[in-house]
Amino acid sequence: MSEVICQTINLTKKYKDNLVLDNVNVNIKRGEIYGLIGENGAGKTTLIKIIAQLIKSTEGKIKLFGCTDENKLSKLQKNIGYTIENPALYMDMTARQNLEVIRMEKGIPGTYDIDRVLKLVNLDIRDKKKVKNFSMGMKQRLALAMALLDEPELLILDEPLNGLDPTGILELRHLLIRLNVEKGITIVLSSHILSELYKLSTCYGIMHKGKLIEEISADELDNRCKKHIFLNVSDSKLATVVLEKELAIYDYIVCSDKIIKIYSNLDECSKINSKLVLNNVLVEEISIKGDTLESYFTKVIGGATHV
């Protein structure tokens, strides 16, 4: 079982009468890319600010790298890199000069680390261009370099894809995967671009109105969203006999006495329908179904609304 390096226990945050986080329990395992999903106001940014120790919770606990002692947690902050909201960049300085400011603030000796992170995020170590002349993608990579300067074990990124063109998104996606796979960095990633989260994340936390509605692995999500032939029939037992004996279809699950999901032969709906009818199975519905991350998210928070 993978080590949980970040855990929140009944985490609650209030601003006067506004309940922003309501008993949130997240479990982030070492080596994951944890995609945090939620609408504006769901509490995502507040949650990651607490994890990054930028603000305090009202109630509940946070456990980082096995430690819950508040007096010791501050010392673990160097193990966490983050870009939250709009990171402060000095527009009239170069990338190297920006990193030199951060290096001195953090008390990191020498300049080797500056070259290391510039190369890591694919910024030219010799470039004299000022940040105000950077593209949005270059600014995002510089912000990422600042977060990586202390060689963190946990990297927290709040909406890093905002404002990027398709090329910038592709470059950042490849970079994050490389940091995760080659450097072993655990990443918490919040983004409204759910199609990109789907390409990156190994686990998801779905938030709605300050609550964590669900934690689900990428494999579990794929199984729930996998495209299939949805069958609503009069008799599922008889239908499965027809599927196996007449059509040699075995990749299916029976969900109830009427509902079957078939995960193969997706282009043979007409043939399946005909065989079932010829064998006295009434077909009330046959259709191709399967959720995207967007539709799954909408379904989950829609259900949460009615709890």
Protein backbone atom coordinates (compact mmCIF):
# COMPACT_ATOMS: atom_id res chain seq x y z
CA MET A 1 0.00 0.00 0.00
CA SER A 2 1.35 3.43 -0.97
CA GLU A 3 2.35 5.83 1.79
CA VAL A 4 -0.10 8.66 2.49
CA ILE A 5 2.06 11.78 2.64
CA CYS A 6 -0.74 14.31 3.03
CA GLN A 7 -3.92 13.72 4.96
CA THR A 8 -6.57 16.09 6.26
CA ILE A 9 -8.76 15.01 9.15
CA ASN A 10 -12.18 16.68 9.46
CA LEU A 11 -10.67 19.90 8.12
CA THR A 12 -12.99 22.89 8.52
CA LYS A 13 -12.49 26.53 7.63
CA LYS A 14 -14.86 29.40 8.43
CA TYR A 15 -14.65 33.08 7.60
CA LYS A 16 -17.11 34.67 10.05
CA ASP A 17 -20.40 32.93 9.12
CA ASN A 18 -19.13 31.57 5.81
CA LEU A 19 -18.30 27.85 5.96
CA VAL A 20 -15.67 27.38 3.23
CA LEU A 21 -14.51 23.85 4.14
CA ASP A 22 -16.78 21.38 5.87
CA ASN A 23 -15.08 18.34 7.48
CA VAL A 24 -12.82 17.59 4.52
CA ASN A 25 -10.80 14.36 4.58
CA VAL A 26 -8.32 13.99 1.72
CA ASN A 27 -5.69 11.26 1.37
CA ILE A 28 -2.83 11.99 -1.01
CA LYS A 29 -0.41 9.10 -1.58
CA ARG A 30 3.25 9.37 -2.49
CA GLY A 31 3.78 9.36 -6.25
CA GLU A 32 0.24 10.38 -7.18
CA ILE A 33 -0.93 13.18 -9.41
CA TYR A 34 -3.99 14.16 -7.42
CA GLY A 35 -6.52 16.10 -9.51
CA LEU A 36 -8.69 18.42 -7.42
CA ILE A 37 -12.02 19.12 -9.11
CA GLY A 38 -14.72 21.62 -8.16
CA GLU A 39 -16.60 24.71 -9.30
CA ASN A 40 -15.56 28.21 -8.26
CA GLY A 41 -16.26 28.52 -4.54
CA ALA A 42 -16.03 24.78 -3.90
CA GLY A 43 -13.14 25.33 -1.46
CA LYS A 44 -10.24 24.01 -3.57
CA THR A 45 -7.92 27.01 -3.16
CA THR A 46 -8.64 27.25 0.58
CA LEU A 47 -7.83 23.56 0.98
CA ILE A 48 -4.50 23.75 -0.82
CA LYS A 49 -3.55 26.93 1.05
CA ILE A 50 -4.01 25.04 4.31
CA ILE A 51 -1.97 22.09 3.00
CA ALA A 52 0.77 24.54 1.95
CA GLN A 53 0.51 26.08 5.45
CA LEU A 54 -0.29 29.53 4.12
CA ILE A 55 -3.44 29.75 6.26
CA LYS A 56 -4.74 27.92 9.32
CA SER A 57 -7.83 25.77 9.54
CA THR A 58 -10.64 26.61 11.96
CA GLU A 59 -11.03 23.00 13.06
CA GLY A 60 -9.54 19.62 12.19
CA LYS A 61 -6.00 18.44 11.59
CA ILE A 62 -3.49 18.09 8.81
CA LYS A 63 -0.95 15.27 8.64
CA LEU A 64 2.11 15.85 6.44
CA PHE A 65 4.76 13.19 5.88
CA GLY A 66 3.45 11.36 8.96
CA CYS A 67 3.57 14.42 11.25
CA THR A 68 0.59 16.08 12.97
CA ASP A 69 2.51 18.16 15.53
CA GLU A 70 1.74 21.80 14.66
CA ASN A 71 5.07 22.92 16.10
CA LYS A 72 6.94 20.63 13.70
CA LEU A 73 4.75 21.09 10.62
CA SER A 74 6.27 24.48 9.81
CA LYS A 75 9.69 22.82 9.42
CA LEU A 76 8.22 20.52 6.80
CA GLN A 77 7.15 23.41 4.59
CA LYS A 78 10.46 23.18 2.71
CA ASN A 79 9.26 19.79 1.46
CA ILE A 80 6.31 21.51 -0.27
CA GLY A 81 6.51 23.61 -3.42
CA TYR A 82 3.49 25.51 -4.64
CA THR A 83 2.08 28.02 -7.08
CA ILE A 84 -1.23 29.29 -5.76
CA GLU A 85 -3.28 32.00 -7.45
CA ASN A 86 -0.95 34.43 -9.25
CA PRO A 87 2.67 33.88 -8.12
CA ALA A 88 4.66 37.09 -7.67
CA LEU A 89 7.06 37.57 -10.58
CA TYR A 90 9.43 40.52 -10.93
CA MET A 91 8.58 41.72 -14.43
CA ASP A 92 11.70 43.85 -14.94
CA MET A 93 14.02 40.99 -14.02
CA THR A 94 15.16 37.94 -15.95
CA ALA A 95 14.14 34.39 -15.00
CA ARG A 96 17.54 33.87 -13.38
CA GLN A 97 17.22 37.08 -11.34
CA ASN A 98 13.74 36.07 -10.16
CA LEU A 99 15.09 32.74 -9.00
CA GLU A 100 18.06 34.41 -7.32
CA VAL A 101 15.63 36.45 -5.17
CA ILE A 102 13.77 33.26 -4.17
CA ARG A 103 17.08 31.44 -3.52
CA MET A 104 18.23 34.14 -1.10
CA GLU A 105 14.82 34.33 0.61
CA LYS A 106 14.92 30.57 1.23
CA GLY A 107 18.58 30.58 2.25
CA ILE A 108 19.62 28.09 -0.41
CA PRO A 109 23.42 28.23 -0.81
CA GLY A 110 25.11 28.61 -4.20
CA THR A 111 23.62 29.11 -7.65
CA TYR A 112 23.72 25.53 -8.93
CA ASP A 113 20.05 25.04 -8.07
CA ILE A 114 19.05 27.95 -10.30
CA ASP A 115 20.62 26.32 -13.36
CA ARG A 116 19.12 22.97 -12.35
CA VAL A 117 15.52 24.19 -12.19
CA LEU A 118 15.82 26.39 -15.29
CA LYS A 119 16.92 23.34 -17.26
CA LEU A 120 14.23 21.23 -15.62
CA VAL A 121 11.44 23.54 -16.84
CA ASN A 122 13.05 24.08 -20.24
CA LEU A 123 14.03 27.74 -19.79
CA ASP A 124 17.34 28.89 -21.29
CA ILE A 125 19.86 29.49 -18.50
CA ARG A 126 21.58 32.18 -20.61
CA ASP A 127 18.44 34.08 -21.63
CA LYS A 128 18.57 37.80 -20.68
CA LYS A 129 14.95 38.46 -21.64
CA LYS A 130 12.90 40.22 -18.96
CA VAL A 131 9.85 38.43 -17.59
CA LYS A 132 7.49 41.15 -18.89
CA ASN A 133 8.40 39.92 -22.39
CA PHE A 134 7.71 36.25 -21.59
CA SER A 135 4.83 34.29 -23.10
CA MET A 136 2.21 32.99 -20.67
CA GLY A 137 3.71 29.51 -20.97
CA MET A 138 7.18 30.80 -20.06
CA LYS A 139 5.75 32.63 -17.03
CA GLN A 140 4.03 29.45 -15.87
CA ARG A 141 7.28 27.50 -16.25
CA LEU A 142 9.17 30.16 -14.30
CA ALA A 143 6.58 29.98 -11.50
CA LEU A 144 7.03 26.21 -11.52
CA ALA A 145 10.82 26.63 -11.34
CA MET A 146 10.37 28.83 -8.25
CA ALA A 147 8.25 26.11 -6.63
CA LEU A 148 10.89 23.46 -7.46
CA LEU A 149 13.92 25.38 -6.18
CA ASP A 150 13.87 23.67 -2.77
CA GLU A 151 13.51 20.16 -4.31
CA PRO A 152 10.05 19.53 -2.80
CA GLU A 153 8.52 16.10 -2.33
CA LEU A 154 5.02 17.53 -2.74
CA LEU A 155 4.13 20.06 -5.45
CA ILE A 156 0.83 21.97 -5.28
CA LEU A 157 -0.38 23.79 -8.39
CA ASP A 158 -3.52 25.93 -8.47
CA GLU A 159 -4.88 26.44 -12.02
CA PRO A 160 -1.46 26.20 -13.73
CA LEU A 161 -3.09 25.84 -17.16
CA ASN A 162 -4.95 29.16 -17.03
CA GLY A 163 -4.24 31.38 -19.99
CA LEU A 164 -2.10 28.84 -21.85
CA ASP A 165 -2.55 28.15 -25.55
CA PRO A 166 -2.72 24.49 -26.72
CA THR A 167 1.06 24.34 -27.22
CA GLY A 168 1.69 25.72 -23.72
CA ILE A 169 -0.75 23.22 -22.21
CA LEU A 170 0.97 20.34 -24.00
CA GLU A 171 4.44 21.47 -22.85
CA LEU A 172 3.29 21.85 -19.24
CA ARG A 173 1.52 18.49 -19.29
CA HIS A 174 4.66 16.71 -20.48
CA LEU A 175 6.75 18.55 -17.89
CA LEU A 176 4.47 17.59 -15.00
CA ILE A 177 4.43 13.94 -16.06
CA ARG A 178 8.24 13.99 -16.23
CA LEU A 179 8.51 15.55 -12.76
CA ASN A 180 6.17 12.89 -11.41
CA VAL A 181 7.69 9.86 -13.16
CA GLU A 182 11.39 10.74 -13.28
CA LYS A 183 11.74 12.83 -10.11
CA GLY A 184 9.11 11.02 -8.04
CA ILE A 185 7.37 14.27 -7.08
CA THR A 186 3.82 13.95 -5.76
CA ILE A 187 1.61 16.57 -7.40
CA VAL A 188 -1.69 18.12 -6.33
CA LEU A 189 -3.26 19.80 -9.34
CA SER A 190 -6.34 22.02 -9.39
CA SER A 191 -7.76 22.97 -12.79
CA HIS A 192 -11.03 23.84 -14.51
CA ILE A 193 -9.79 22.14 -17.68
CA LEU A 194 -11.09 18.69 -16.81
CA SER A 195 -10.01 17.14 -20.11
CA GLU A 196 -6.41 17.95 -19.18
CA LEU A 197 -6.82 16.70 -15.60
CA TYR A 198 -8.02 13.44 -17.10
CA LYS A 199 -4.79 13.13 -19.11
CA LEU A 200 -2.64 13.81 -16.04
CA SER A 201 -4.25 12.57 -12.85
CA THR A 202 -3.85 9.18 -11.21
CA CYS A 203 -6.42 10.03 -8.54
CA TYR A 204 -9.20 12.60 -8.13
CA GLY A 205 -10.83 14.50 -5.28
CA ILE A 206 -14.22 15.96 -6.16
CA MET A 207 -15.32 18.97 -4.10
CA HIS A 208 -18.70 20.70 -3.93
CA LYS A 209 -19.78 23.53 -1.63
CA GLY A 210 -16.91 22.99 0.80
CA LYS A 211 -17.29 19.21 1.04
CA LEU A 212 -15.17 16.44 -0.41
CA ILE A 213 -17.82 14.43 -2.24
CA GLU A 214 -15.63 11.62 -3.52
CA GLU A 215 -12.05 10.37 -3.88
CA ILE A 216 -11.58 8.03 -6.82
CA SER A 217 -8.56 6.55 -8.60
CA ALA A 218 -8.06 6.97 -12.34
CA ASP A 219 -8.58 3.22 -12.81
CA GLU A 220 -11.88 3.31 -10.90
CA LEU A 221 -13.00 6.31 -12.92
CA ASP A 222 -12.13 4.58 -16.19
CA ASN A 223 -14.19 1.55 -15.18
CA ARG A 224 -17.17 3.75 -14.32
CA CYS A 225 -16.87 5.88 -17.45
CA LYS A 226 -15.88 3.14 -19.90
CA LYS A 227 -17.93 3.10 -23.10
CA HIS A 228 -20.35 0.20 -23.27
CA ILE A 229 -23.58 -1.03 -24.82
CA PHE A 230 -26.35 -0.37 -22.33
CA LEU A 231 -29.12 -2.95 -22.48
CA ASN A 232 -32.49 -2.74 -20.77
CA VAL A 233 -34.21 -6.06 -21.39
CA SER A 234 -37.17 -8.07 -20.16
CA ASP A 235 -35.02 -10.94 -18.84
CA SER A 236 -31.28 -10.48 -18.24
CA LYS A 237 -30.67 -14.20 -17.56
CA LEU A 238 -32.11 -15.23 -20.90
CA ALA A 239 -30.32 -12.32 -22.57
CA THR A 240 -26.90 -13.49 -21.32
CA VAL A 241 -27.52 -16.96 -22.71
CA VAL A 242 -28.20 -15.39 -26.11
CA LEU A 243 -25.15 -13.15 -25.88
CA GLU A 244 -22.82 -16.06 -25.16
CA LYS A 245 -24.29 -18.83 -27.31
CA GLU A 246 -25.48 -16.84 -30.32
CA LEU A 247 -22.95 -13.99 -30.41
CA ALA A 248 -19.90 -15.25 -28.45
CA ILE A 249 -19.99 -12.12 -26.28
CA TYR A 250 -18.49 -12.59 -22.81
CA ASP A 251 -17.24 -9.14 -21.83
CA TYR A 252 -20.34 -7.94 -20.00
CA ILE A 253 -21.72 -7.39 -16.52
CA VAL A 254 -25.27 -7.92 -15.28
CA CYS A 255 -26.32 -4.93 -13.17
CA SER A 256 -29.86 -6.05 -12.32
CA ASP A 257 -32.59 -8.38 -13.59
CA LYS A 258 -33.05 -6.01 -16.54
CA ILE A 259 -29.80 -4.09 -17.04
CA ILE A 260 -26.68 -5.43 -18.80
CA LYS A 261 -23.54 -3.54 -19.82
CA ILE A 262 -21.50 -4.97 -22.72
CA TYR A 263 -17.91 -3.72 -23.06
CA SER A 264 -17.13 -5.26 -26.48
CA ASN A 265 -18.81 -5.35 -29.91
CA LEU A 266 -19.70 -1.66 -29.63
CA ASP A 267 -20.43 -1.44 -33.38
CA GLU A 268 -22.89 -4.35 -33.36
CA CYS A 269 -25.92 -2.90 -31.59
CA SER A 270 -28.30 -3.79 -34.44
CA LYS A 271 -27.06 -7.38 -34.60
CA ILE A 272 -27.33 -7.78 -30.81
CA ASN A 273 -30.82 -6.31 -30.81
CA SER A 274 -31.98 -8.65 -33.61
CA LYS A 275 -30.61 -11.79 -31.94
CA LEU A 276 -32.24 -10.91 -28.63
CA VAL A 277 -35.64 -10.24 -30.21
CA LEU A 278 -35.47 -13.47 -32.25
CA ASN A 279 -34.88 -15.34 -28.99
CA ASN A 280 -37.91 -13.79 -27.25
CA VAL A 281 -36.01 -11.17 -25.24
CA LEU A 282 -37.82 -7.84 -25.28
CA VAL A 283 -35.31 -4.99 -25.69
CA GLU A 284 -36.61 -1.81 -24.09
CA GLU A 285 -33.36 0.11 -24.68
CA ILE A 286 -30.05 -0.48 -26.41
CA SER A 287 -27.59 2.39 -26.63
CA ILE A 288 -23.92 3.35 -26.33
CA LYS A 289 -23.13 4.99 -23.01
CA GLY A 290 -20.04 6.17 -21.16
CA ASP A 291 -19.15 9.31 -19.21
CA THR A 292 -16.42 11.87 -19.78
CA LEU A 293 -14.77 13.31 -16.66
CA GLU A 294 -16.93 16.41 -17.17
CA SER A 295 -20.18 14.45 -17.26
CA TYR A 296 -19.11 12.23 -14.35
CA PHE A 297 -18.28 15.31 -12.29
CA THR A 298 -21.65 16.89 -13.14
CA LYS A 299 -23.42 13.67 -12.18
CA VAL A 300 -21.60 13.40 -8.86
CA ILE A 301 -22.18 17.00 -7.75
CA GLY A 302 -25.74 16.82 -9.03
CA GLY A 303 -26.34 13.91 -6.70
CA ALA A 304 -24.62 15.78 -3.90
CA THR A 305 -26.99 18.71 -4.37
CA HIS A 306 -29.91 16.49 -3.41
CA VAL A 307 -28.31 14.90 -0.35
